C-alpha cells in the first residue's frame, strides 16, 4: 500500500490507540472493568468507537479518571488480526459493516 492510501489508520493508531486499552463492549468483563459505565452512556466518536464520558465521573479521584481515559470501547473483539482488518480496510469493524 502506498502511504497516501493509509494515512488515516496510521494517524488514528498513533493518536487514538497508542497506550490505550481496547475492550469489546460485549466483553463479559466490561462491567467489571468499567463499573461506572455499566448503566451510563459512552461518548461515541466519529470513527465509530466509544470512550467513557468523563463527566459521569467528574467527582471521582484523579486515579479513577486517569484509568477511564485509557479505555477505547469497540464493537468487535480487538485481536491483532481484527485490528489489521480494520486498519487495512479503512472500516471501523473487521467485517466492514460500520
C-alpha atoms as a PDB file:
ATOM      1  CA  UNK A   1       0.000   0.000   0.000  1.00  0.00           C
ATOM      2  CA  UNK A   2       1.133   3.487  -0.714  1.00  0.00           C
ATOM      3  CA  UNK A   3       1.455   5.962   2.111  1.00  0.00           C
ATOM      4  CA  UNK A   4      -1.309   8.189   0.742  1.00  0.00           C
ATOM      5  CA  UNK A   5      -3.806   5.308   0.928  1.00  0.00           C
ATOM      6  CA  UNK A   6      -3.019   4.534   4.530  1.00  0.00           C
ATOM      7  CA  UNK A   7      -2.622   7.900   6.255  1.00  0.00           C
ATOM      8  CA  UNK A   8      -5.836   7.897   8.315  1.00  0.00           C
ATOM      9  CA  UNK A   9      -5.416   4.497  10.002  1.00  0.00           C
ATOM     10  CA  UNK A  10      -1.824   5.295  10.935  1.00  0.00           C
ATOM     11  CA  UNK A  11      -2.793   8.646  12.442  1.00  0.00           C
ATOM     12  CA  UNK A  12      -5.722   7.025  14.263  1.00  0.00           C
ATOM     13  CA  UNK A  13      -3.421   4.353  15.637  1.00  0.00           C
ATOM     14  CA  UNK A  14      -0.789   6.851  16.723  1.00  0.00           C
ATOM     15  CA  UNK A  15      -3.111   9.483  18.189  1.00  0.00           C
ATOM     16  CA  UNK A  16      -6.011   7.396  19.439  1.00  0.00           C
ATOM     17  CA  UNK A  17      -4.890   3.890  20.227  1.00  0.00           C
ATOM     18  CA  UNK A  18      -1.331   4.394  21.420  1.00  0.00           C
ATOM     19  CA  UNK A  19      -1.103   3.383  25.101  1.00  0.00           C
ATOM     20  CA  UNK A  20      -4.818   2.586  25.328  1.00  0.00           C
ATOM     21  CA  UNK A  21      -6.714  -0.476  26.498  1.00  0.00           C
ATOM     22  CA  UNK A  22      -9.198  -1.665  23.892  1.00  0.00           C
ATOM     23  CA  UNK A  23     -12.204  -3.623  25.042  1.00  0.00           C
ATOM     24  CA  UNK A  24     -15.177  -5.057  23.190  1.00  0.00           C
ATOM     25  CA  UNK A  25     -18.409  -3.569  24.508  1.00  0.00           C
ATOM     26  CA  UNK A  26     -19.783  -7.127  24.607  1.00  0.00           C
ATOM     27  CA  UNK A  27     -16.865  -8.484  26.636  1.00  0.00           C
ATOM     28  CA  UNK A  28     -18.135 -10.324  29.740  1.00  0.00           C
ATOM     29  CA  UNK A  29     -15.613  -8.345  31.808  1.00  0.00           C
ATOM     30  CA  UNK A  30     -16.856  -4.949  30.582  1.00  0.00           C
ATOM     31  CA  UNK A  31     -18.989  -4.277  33.662  1.00  0.00           C
ATOM     32  CA  UNK A  32     -16.192  -5.447  35.953  1.00  0.00           C
ATOM     33  CA  UNK A  33     -13.516  -3.288  34.328  1.00  0.00           C
ATOM     34  CA  UNK A  34     -15.722  -0.247  33.753  1.00  0.00           C
ATOM     35  CA  UNK A  35     -18.264  -0.383  36.611  1.00  0.00           C
ATOM     36  CA  UNK A  36     -19.151   3.316  36.366  1.00  0.00           C
ATOM     37  CA  UNK A  37     -20.383   2.731  32.819  1.00  0.00           C
ATOM     38  CA  UNK A  38     -22.494  -0.352  33.414  1.00  0.00           C
ATOM     39  CA  UNK A  39     -25.684   1.694  33.034  1.00  0.00           C
ATOM     40  CA  UNK A  40     -24.281   5.005  31.788  1.00  0.00           C
ATOM     41  CA  UNK A  41     -23.834   6.172  28.210  1.00  0.00           C
ATOM     42  CA  UNK A  42     -20.485   6.226  26.496  1.00  0.00           C
ATOM     43  CA  UNK A  43     -19.277   9.011  24.230  1.00  0.00           C
ATOM     44  CA  UNK A  44     -19.407   7.879  20.579  1.00  0.00           C
ATOM     45  CA  UNK A  45     -16.551   9.129  18.437  1.00  0.00           C
ATOM     46  CA  UNK A  46     -16.774   9.979  14.744  1.00  0.00           C
ATOM     47  CA  UNK A  47     -14.585   6.965  13.857  1.00  0.00           C
ATOM     48  CA  UNK A  48     -17.201   4.601  15.351  1.00  0.00           C
ATOM     49  CA  UNK A  49     -15.519   3.707  18.613  1.00  0.00           C
ATOM     50  CA  UNK A  50     -16.561   4.862  22.061  1.00  0.00           C
ATOM     51  CA  UNK A  51     -14.820   6.340  25.073  1.00  0.00           C
ATOM     52  CA  UNK A  52     -16.016   6.807  28.633  1.00  0.00           C
ATOM     53  CA  UNK A  53     -17.928  10.033  29.222  1.00  0.00           C
ATOM     54  CA  UNK A  54     -15.726  11.613  31.877  1.00  0.00           C
ATOM     55  CA  UNK A  55     -18.494  13.969  33.032  1.00  0.00           C
ATOM     56  CA  UNK A  56     -20.111  10.976  34.728  1.00  0.00           C
ATOM     57  CA  UNK A  57     -17.080  10.556  36.992  1.00  0.00           C
ATOM     58  CA  UNK A  58     -16.127  14.217  37.478  1.00  0.00           C
ATOM     59  CA  UNK A  59     -16.311  13.844  41.289  1.00  0.00           C
ATOM     60  CA  UNK A  60     -14.161  10.702  41.401  1.00  0.00           C
ATOM     61  CA  UNK A  61     -10.487  10.786  42.448  1.00  0.00           C
ATOM     62  CA  UNK A  62      -7.905  11.537  39.736  1.00  0.00           C
ATOM     63  CA  UNK A  63      -6.636   7.957  39.554  1.00  0.00           C
ATOM     64  CA  UNK A  64     -10.141   6.793  38.592  1.00  0.00           C
ATOM     65  CA  UNK A  65     -10.405   9.470  35.883  1.00  0.00           C
ATOM     66  CA  UNK A  66      -6.968   8.539  34.544  1.00  0.00           C
ATOM     67  CA  UNK A  67      -7.915   4.881  34.445  1.00  0.00           C
ATOM     68  CA  UNK A  68     -11.015   5.566  32.333  1.00  0.00           C
ATOM     69  CA  UNK A  69      -9.108   7.889  29.999  1.00  0.00           C
ATOM     70  CA  UNK A  70      -7.127   4.825  28.939  1.00  0.00           C
ATOM     71  CA  UNK A  71     -10.098   2.902  27.501  1.00  0.00           C
ATOM     72  CA  UNK A  72     -11.256   2.608  23.900  1.00  0.00           C
ATOM     73  CA  UNK A  73     -14.504   0.668  23.512  1.00  0.00           C
ATOM     74  CA  UNK A  74     -15.171  -1.096  20.219  1.00  0.00           C
ATOM     75  CA  UNK A  75     -17.919  -3.362  18.926  1.00  0.00           C
ATOM     76  CA  UNK A  76     -15.660  -6.243  17.904  1.00  0.00           C
ATOM     77  CA  UNK A  77     -13.098  -8.464  19.573  1.00  0.00           C
ATOM     78  CA  UNK A  78      -9.884  -6.363  19.408  1.00  0.00           C
ATOM     79  CA  UNK A  79      -7.435  -9.077  18.382  1.00  0.00           C
ATOM     80  CA  UNK A  80      -4.390  -8.184  16.313  1.00  0.00           C
ATOM     81  CA  UNK A  81      -5.999  -9.902  13.310  1.00  0.00           C
ATOM     82  CA  UNK A  82      -9.199  -7.874  13.637  1.00  0.00           C
ATOM     83  CA  UNK A  83      -7.262  -4.638  14.132  1.00  0.00           C
ATOM     84  CA  UNK A  84      -5.287  -5.366  10.971  1.00  0.00           C
ATOM     85  CA  UNK A  85      -8.572  -5.838   9.085  1.00  0.00           C
ATOM     86  CA  UNK A  86      -9.866  -2.520  10.398  1.00  0.00           C
ATOM     87  CA  UNK A  87      -6.679  -0.646   9.524  1.00  0.00           C
ATOM     88  CA  UNK A  88      -6.305  -2.087   6.033  1.00  0.00           C
ATOM     89  CA  UNK A  89      -9.981  -1.773   5.082  1.00  0.00           C
ATOM     90  CA  UNK A  90     -10.494   1.801   6.345  1.00  0.00           C
ATOM     91  CA  UNK A  91     -13.560   0.470   8.152  1.00  0.00           C
ATOM     92  CA  UNK A  92     -14.315   0.682  11.860  1.00  0.00           C
ATOM     93  CA  UNK A  93     -15.187  -3.004  12.181  1.00  0.00           C
ATOM     94  CA  UNK A  94     -13.353  -6.104  10.921  1.00  0.00           C
ATOM     95  CA  UNK A  95     -16.286  -7.197   8.767  1.00  0.00           C
ATOM     96  CA  UNK A  96     -16.608  -3.777   7.141  1.00  0.00           C
ATOM     97  CA  UNK A  97     -20.128  -3.182   8.461  1.00  0.00           C
ATOM     98  CA  UNK A  98     -19.981   0.228  10.111  1.00  0.00           C
END
